[in-house]
Amino acid sequence: MKHEEVRITLRLPADIHAWLVAAAKRDRRSLNSEIVHRLEVGRDNAPADDQSP
């Protein structure tokens, strides 16, 4: 299955950016790969009936 990629601009607080950069470096991933990884893990662990308030 081919995955389409979408480019976005994302504004983050400086402390969250620094935390993500440190995690990416520790796990030898790019910042982009770290963000995608965390989103995928969060999505996979979210309850099926999770709805936005």
PDB file of N, CA and C in Angstrom:
ATOM      1  N   MET A   1       0.841  -1.181   0.000  1.00  0.00           N
ATOM      2  CA  MET A   1       0.000   0.000   0.000  1.00  0.00           C
ATOM      3  C   MET A   1       0.882   1.238   0.000  1.00  0.00           C
ATOM      4  N   LYS A   2       0.652   2.128  -0.935  1.00  0.00           N
ATOM      5  CA  LYS A   2       1.436   3.351  -1.029  1.00  0.00           C
ATOM      6  C   LYS A   2       0.832   4.426  -0.138  1.00  0.00           C
ATOM      7  N   HIS A   3       1.693   5.108   0.609  1.00  0.00           N
ATOM      8  CA  HIS A   3       1.248   6.181   1.491  1.00  0.00           C
ATOM      9  C   HIS A   3       1.506   7.528   0.829  1.00  0.00           C
ATOM     10  N   GLU A   4       0.491   8.309   0.733  1.00  0.00           N
ATOM     11  CA  GLU A   4       0.640   9.667   0.226  1.00  0.00           C
ATOM     12  C   GLU A   4       1.179  10.537   1.353  1.00  0.00           C
ATOM     13  N   GLU A   5       2.062  11.426   1.030  1.00  0.00           N
ATOM     14  CA  GLU A   5       2.618  12.335   2.023  1.00  0.00           C
ATOM     15  C   GLU A   5       2.076  13.728   1.800  1.00  0.00           C
ATOM     16  N   VAL A   6       1.837  14.417   2.899  1.00  0.00           N
ATOM     17  CA  VAL A   6       1.330  15.779   2.878  1.00  0.00           C
ATOM     18  C   VAL A   6       2.295  16.641   3.667  1.00  0.00           C
ATOM     19  N   ARG A   7       2.629  17.780   3.150  1.00  0.00           N
ATOM     20  CA  ARG A   7       3.527  18.707   3.828  1.00  0.00           C
ATOM     21  C   ARG A   7       2.694  19.741   4.568  1.00  0.00           C
ATOM     22  N   ILE A   8       3.038  19.971   5.849  1.00  0.00           N
ATOM     23  CA  ILE A   8       2.338  20.973   6.638  1.00  0.00           C
ATOM     24  C   ILE A   8       3.346  21.877   7.333  1.00  0.00           C
ATOM     25  N   THR A   9       2.889  23.029   7.760  1.00  0.00           N
ATOM     26  CA  THR A   9       3.673  23.910   8.611  1.00  0.00           C
ATOM     27  C   THR A   9       3.085  23.785  10.005  1.00  0.00           C
ATOM     28  N   LEU A  10       3.936  23.590  10.989  1.00  0.00           N
ATOM     29  CA  LEU A  10       3.476  23.359  12.349  1.00  0.00           C
ATOM     30  C   LEU A  10       4.220  24.287  13.293  1.00  0.00           C
ATOM     31  N   ARG A  11       3.470  25.016  14.098  1.00  0.00           N
ATOM     32  CA  ARG A  11       4.086  25.871  15.118  1.00  0.00           C
ATOM     33  C   ARG A  11       4.011  25.138  16.453  1.00  0.00           C
ATOM     34  N   LEU A  12       5.158  25.043  17.123  1.00  0.00           N
ATOM     35  CA  LEU A  12       5.249  24.366  18.415  1.00  0.00           C
ATOM     36  C   LEU A  12       5.871  25.300  19.444  1.00  0.00           C
ATOM     37  N   PRO A  13       5.466  25.154  20.691  1.00  0.00           N
ATOM     38  CA  PRO A  13       6.191  25.868  21.744  1.00  0.00           C
ATOM     39  C   PRO A  13       7.649  25.395  21.755  1.00  0.00           C
ATOM     40  N   ALA A  14       8.553  26.289  22.095  1.00  0.00           N
ATOM     41  CA  ALA A  14       9.990  25.981  22.050  1.00  0.00           C
ATOM     42  C   ALA A  14      10.357  24.787  22.921  1.00  0.00           C
ATOM     43  N   ASP A  15       9.721  24.650  24.083  1.00  0.00           N
ATOM     44  CA  ASP A  15      10.077  23.537  24.968  1.00  0.00           C
ATOM     45  C   ASP A  15       9.651  22.189  24.375  1.00  0.00           C
ATOM     46  N   ILE A  16       8.518  22.138  23.698  1.00  0.00           N
ATOM     47  CA  ILE A  16       8.076  20.893  23.064  1.00  0.00           C
ATOM     48  C   ILE A  16       8.989  20.563  21.887  1.00  0.00           C
ATOM     49  N   HIS A  17       9.383  21.568  21.132  1.00  0.00           N
ATOM     50  CA  HIS A  17      10.312  21.362  20.022  1.00  0.00           C
ATOM     51  C   HIS A  17      11.626  20.775  20.538  1.00  0.00           C
ATOM     52  N   ALA A  18      12.160  21.367  21.600  1.00  0.00           N
ATOM     53  CA  ALA A  18      13.426  20.888  22.161  1.00  0.00           C
ATOM     54  C   ALA A  18      13.290  19.450  22.659  1.00  0.00           C
ATOM     55  N   TRP A  19      12.161  19.121  23.276  1.00  0.00           N
ATOM     56  CA  TRP A  19      11.908  17.769  23.776  1.00  0.00           C
ATOM     57  C   TRP A  19      11.854  16.769  22.619  1.00  0.00           C
ATOM     58  N   LEU A  20      11.177  17.137  21.539  1.00  0.00           N
ATOM     59  CA  LEU A  20      11.098  16.270  20.365  1.00  0.00           C
ATOM     60  C   LEU A  20      12.457  16.098  19.701  1.00  0.00           C
ATOM     61  N   VAL A  21      13.219  17.173  19.601  1.00  0.00           N
ATOM     62  CA  VAL A  21      14.562  17.100  19.006  1.00  0.00           C
ATOM     63  C   VAL A  21      15.447  16.159  19.823  1.00  0.00           C
ATOM     64  N   ALA A  22      15.383  16.269  21.151  1.00  0.00           N
ATOM     65  CA  ALA A  22      16.187  15.397  22.019  1.00  0.00           C
ATOM     66  C   ALA A  22      15.764  13.938  21.863  1.00  0.00           C
ATOM     67  N   ALA A  23      14.459  13.687  21.807  1.00  0.00           N
ATOM     68  CA  ALA A  23      13.966  12.318  21.638  1.00  0.00           C
ATOM     69  C   ALA A  23      14.395  11.759  20.288  1.00  0.00           C
ATOM     70  N   ALA A  24      14.310  12.574  19.237  1.00  0.00           N
ATOM     71  CA  ALA A  24      14.711  12.135  17.901  1.00  0.00           C
ATOM     72  C   ALA A  24      16.199  11.790  17.875  1.00  0.00           C
ATOM     73  N   LYS A  25      17.002  12.628  18.491  1.00  0.00           N
ATOM     74  CA  LYS A  25      18.443  12.378  18.528  1.00  0.00           C
ATOM     75  C   LYS A  25      18.744  11.096  19.293  1.00  0.00           C
ATOM     76  N   ARG A  26      18.084  10.907  20.440  1.00  0.00           N
ATOM     77  CA  ARG A  26      18.292   9.712  21.257  1.00  0.00           C
ATOM     78  C   ARG A  26      17.943   8.440  20.486  1.00  0.00           C
ATOM     79  N   ASP A  27      16.850   8.510  19.706  1.00  0.00           N
ATOM     80  CA  ASP A  27      16.375   7.336  18.966  1.00  0.00           C
ATOM     81  C   ASP A  27      16.894   7.280  17.534  1.00  0.00           C
ATOM     82  N   ARG A  28      17.825   8.188  17.212  1.00  0.00           N
ATOM     83  CA  ARG A  28      18.460   8.240  15.891  1.00  0.00           C
ATOM     84  C   ARG A  28      17.444   8.336  14.752  1.00  0.00           C
ATOM     85  N   ARG A  29      16.495   9.271  14.945  1.00  0.00           N
ATOM     86  CA  ARG A  29      15.490   9.556  13.928  1.00  0.00           C
ATOM     87  C   ARG A  29      15.570  11.029  13.582  1.00  0.00           C
ATOM     88  N   SER A  30      15.039  11.381  12.425  1.00  0.00           N
ATOM     89  CA  SER A  30      14.879  12.790  12.099  1.00  0.00           C
ATOM     90  C   SER A  30      13.741  13.344  12.941  1.00  0.00           C
ATOM     91  N   LEU A  31      13.669  14.650  13.046  1.00  0.00           N
ATOM     92  CA  LEU A  31      12.567  15.277  13.776  1.00  0.00           C
ATOM     93  C   LEU A  31      11.241  14.889  13.141  1.00  0.00           C
ATOM     94  N   ASN A  32      11.165  14.903  11.819  1.00  0.00           N
ATOM     95  CA  ASN A  32       9.944  14.509  11.129  1.00  0.00           C
ATOM     96  C   ASN A  32       9.559  13.072  11.474  1.00  0.00           C
ATOM     97  N   SER A  33      10.514  12.168  11.421  1.00  0.00           N
ATOM     98  CA  SER A  33      10.234  10.767  11.731  1.00  0.00           C
ATOM     99  C   SER A  33       9.783  10.590  13.174  1.00  0.00           C
ATOM    100  N   GLU A  34      10.348  11.357  14.083  1.00  0.00           N
ATOM    101  CA  GLU A  34       9.950  11.285  15.494  1.00  0.00           C
ATOM    102  C   GLU A  34       8.498  11.720  15.669  1.00  0.00           C
ATOM    103  N   ILE A  35       8.122  12.813  15.028  1.00  0.00           N
ATOM    104  CA  ILE A  35       6.747  13.303  15.127  1.00  0.00           C
ATOM    105  C   ILE A  35       5.780  12.289  14.524  1.00  0.00           C
ATOM    106  N   VAL A  36       6.098  11.762  13.349  1.00  0.00           N
ATOM    107  CA  VAL A  36       5.237  10.763  12.707  1.00  0.00           C
ATOM    108  C   VAL A  36       5.130   9.522  13.587  1.00  0.00           C
ATOM    109  N   HIS A  37       6.246   9.062  14.135  1.00  0.00           N
ATOM    110  CA  HIS A  37       6.244   7.886  15.015  1.00  0.00           C
ATOM    111  C   HIS A  37       5.307   8.106  16.198  1.00  0.00           C
ATOM    112  N   ARG A  38       5.420   9.254  16.860  1.00  0.00           N
ATOM    113  CA  ARG A  38       4.587   9.524  18.033  1.00  0.00           C
ATOM    114  C   ARG A  38       3.113   9.633  17.661  1.00  0.00           C
ATOM    115  N   LEU A  39       2.814  10.200  16.517  1.00  0.00           N
ATOM    116  CA  LEU A  39       1.415  10.273  16.071  1.00  0.00           C
ATOM    117  C   LEU A  39       0.866   8.883  15.778  1.00  0.00           C
ATOM    118  N   GLU A  40       1.670   8.037  15.132  1.00  0.00           N
ATOM    119  CA  GLU A  40       1.227   6.675  14.821  1.00  0.00           C
ATOM    120  C   GLU A  40       0.988   5.874  16.101  1.00  0.00           C
ATOM    121  N   VAL A  41       1.893   5.972  17.063  1.00  0.00           N
ATOM    122  CA  VAL A  41       1.735   5.255  18.329  1.00  0.00           C
ATOM    123  C   VAL A  41       0.487   5.753  19.051  1.00  0.00           C
ATOM    124  N   GLY A  42       0.289   7.057  19.077  1.00  0.00           N
ATOM    125  CA  GLY A  42      -0.891   7.615  19.719  1.00  0.00           C
ATOM    126  C   GLY A  42      -2.169   7.173  19.033  1.00  0.00           C
ATOM    127  N   ARG A  43      -2.151   7.147  17.726  1.00  0.00           N
ATOM    128  CA  ARG A  43      -3.320   6.700  16.968  1.00  0.00           C
ATOM    129  C   ARG A  43      -3.615   5.236  17.250  1.00  0.00           C
ATOM    130  N   ASP A  44      -2.570   4.412  17.284  1.00  0.00           N
ATOM    131  CA  ASP A  44      -2.751   2.980  17.515  1.00  0.00           C
ATOM    132  C   ASP A  44      -3.244   2.689  18.934  1.00  0.00           C
ATOM    133  N   ASN A  45      -2.949   3.572  19.885  1.00  0.00           N
ATOM    134  CA  ASN A  45      -3.351   3.360  21.267  1.00  0.00           C
ATOM    135  C   ASN A  45      -4.640   4.083  21.644  1.00  0.00           C
ATOM    136  N   ALA A  46      -5.192   4.849  20.721  1.00  0.00           N
ATOM    137  CA  ALA A  46      -6.421   5.596  21.003  1.00  0.00           C
ATOM    138  C   ALA A  46      -7.623   4.662  21.000  1.00  0.00           C
ATOM    139  N   PRO A  47      -8.569   4.871  21.933  1.00  0.00           N
ATOM    140  CA  PRO A  47      -9.784   4.062  21.915  1.00  0.00           C
ATOM    141  C   PRO A  47     -10.530   4.246  20.595  1.00  0.00           C
ATOM    142  N   ALA A  48     -11.176   3.194  20.117  1.00  0.00           N
ATOM    143  CA  ALA A  48     -11.867   3.223  18.831  1.00  0.00           C
ATOM    144  C   ALA A  48     -12.980   4.260  18.809  1.00  0.00           C
ATOM    145  N   ASP A  49     -13.603   4.518  19.957  1.00  0.00           N
ATOM    146  CA  ASP A  49     -14.716   5.469  19.971  1.00  0.00           C
ATOM    147  C   ASP A  49     -14.287   6.858  20.434  1.00  0.00           C
ATOM    148  N   ASP A  50     -12.979   7.126  20.380  1.00  0.00           N
ATOM    149  CA  ASP A  50     -12.450   8.429  20.786  1.00  0.00           C
ATOM    150  C   ASP A  50     -12.995   9.524  19.889  1.00  0.00           C
ATOM    151  N   GLN A  51     -13.648  10.490  20.484  1.00  0.00           N
ATOM    152  CA  GLN A  51     -14.203  11.608  19.718  1.00  0.00           C
ATOM    153  C   GLN A  51     -13.693  12.913  20.297  1.00  0.00           C
ATOM    154  N   SER A  52     -13.508  13.869  19.428  1.00  0.00           N
ATOM    155  CA  SER A  52     -13.074  15.180  19.835  1.00  0.00           C
ATOM    156  C   SER A  52     -14.216  15.901  20.568  1.00  0.00           C
ATOM    157  N   PRO A  53     -13.925  16.607  21.641  1.00  0.00           N
ATOM    158  CA  PRO A  53     -14.997  17.301  22.384  1.00  0.00           C
ATOM    159  C   PRO A  53     -15.656  18.398  21.567  1.00  0.00           C
TER     160      PRO A  53
END
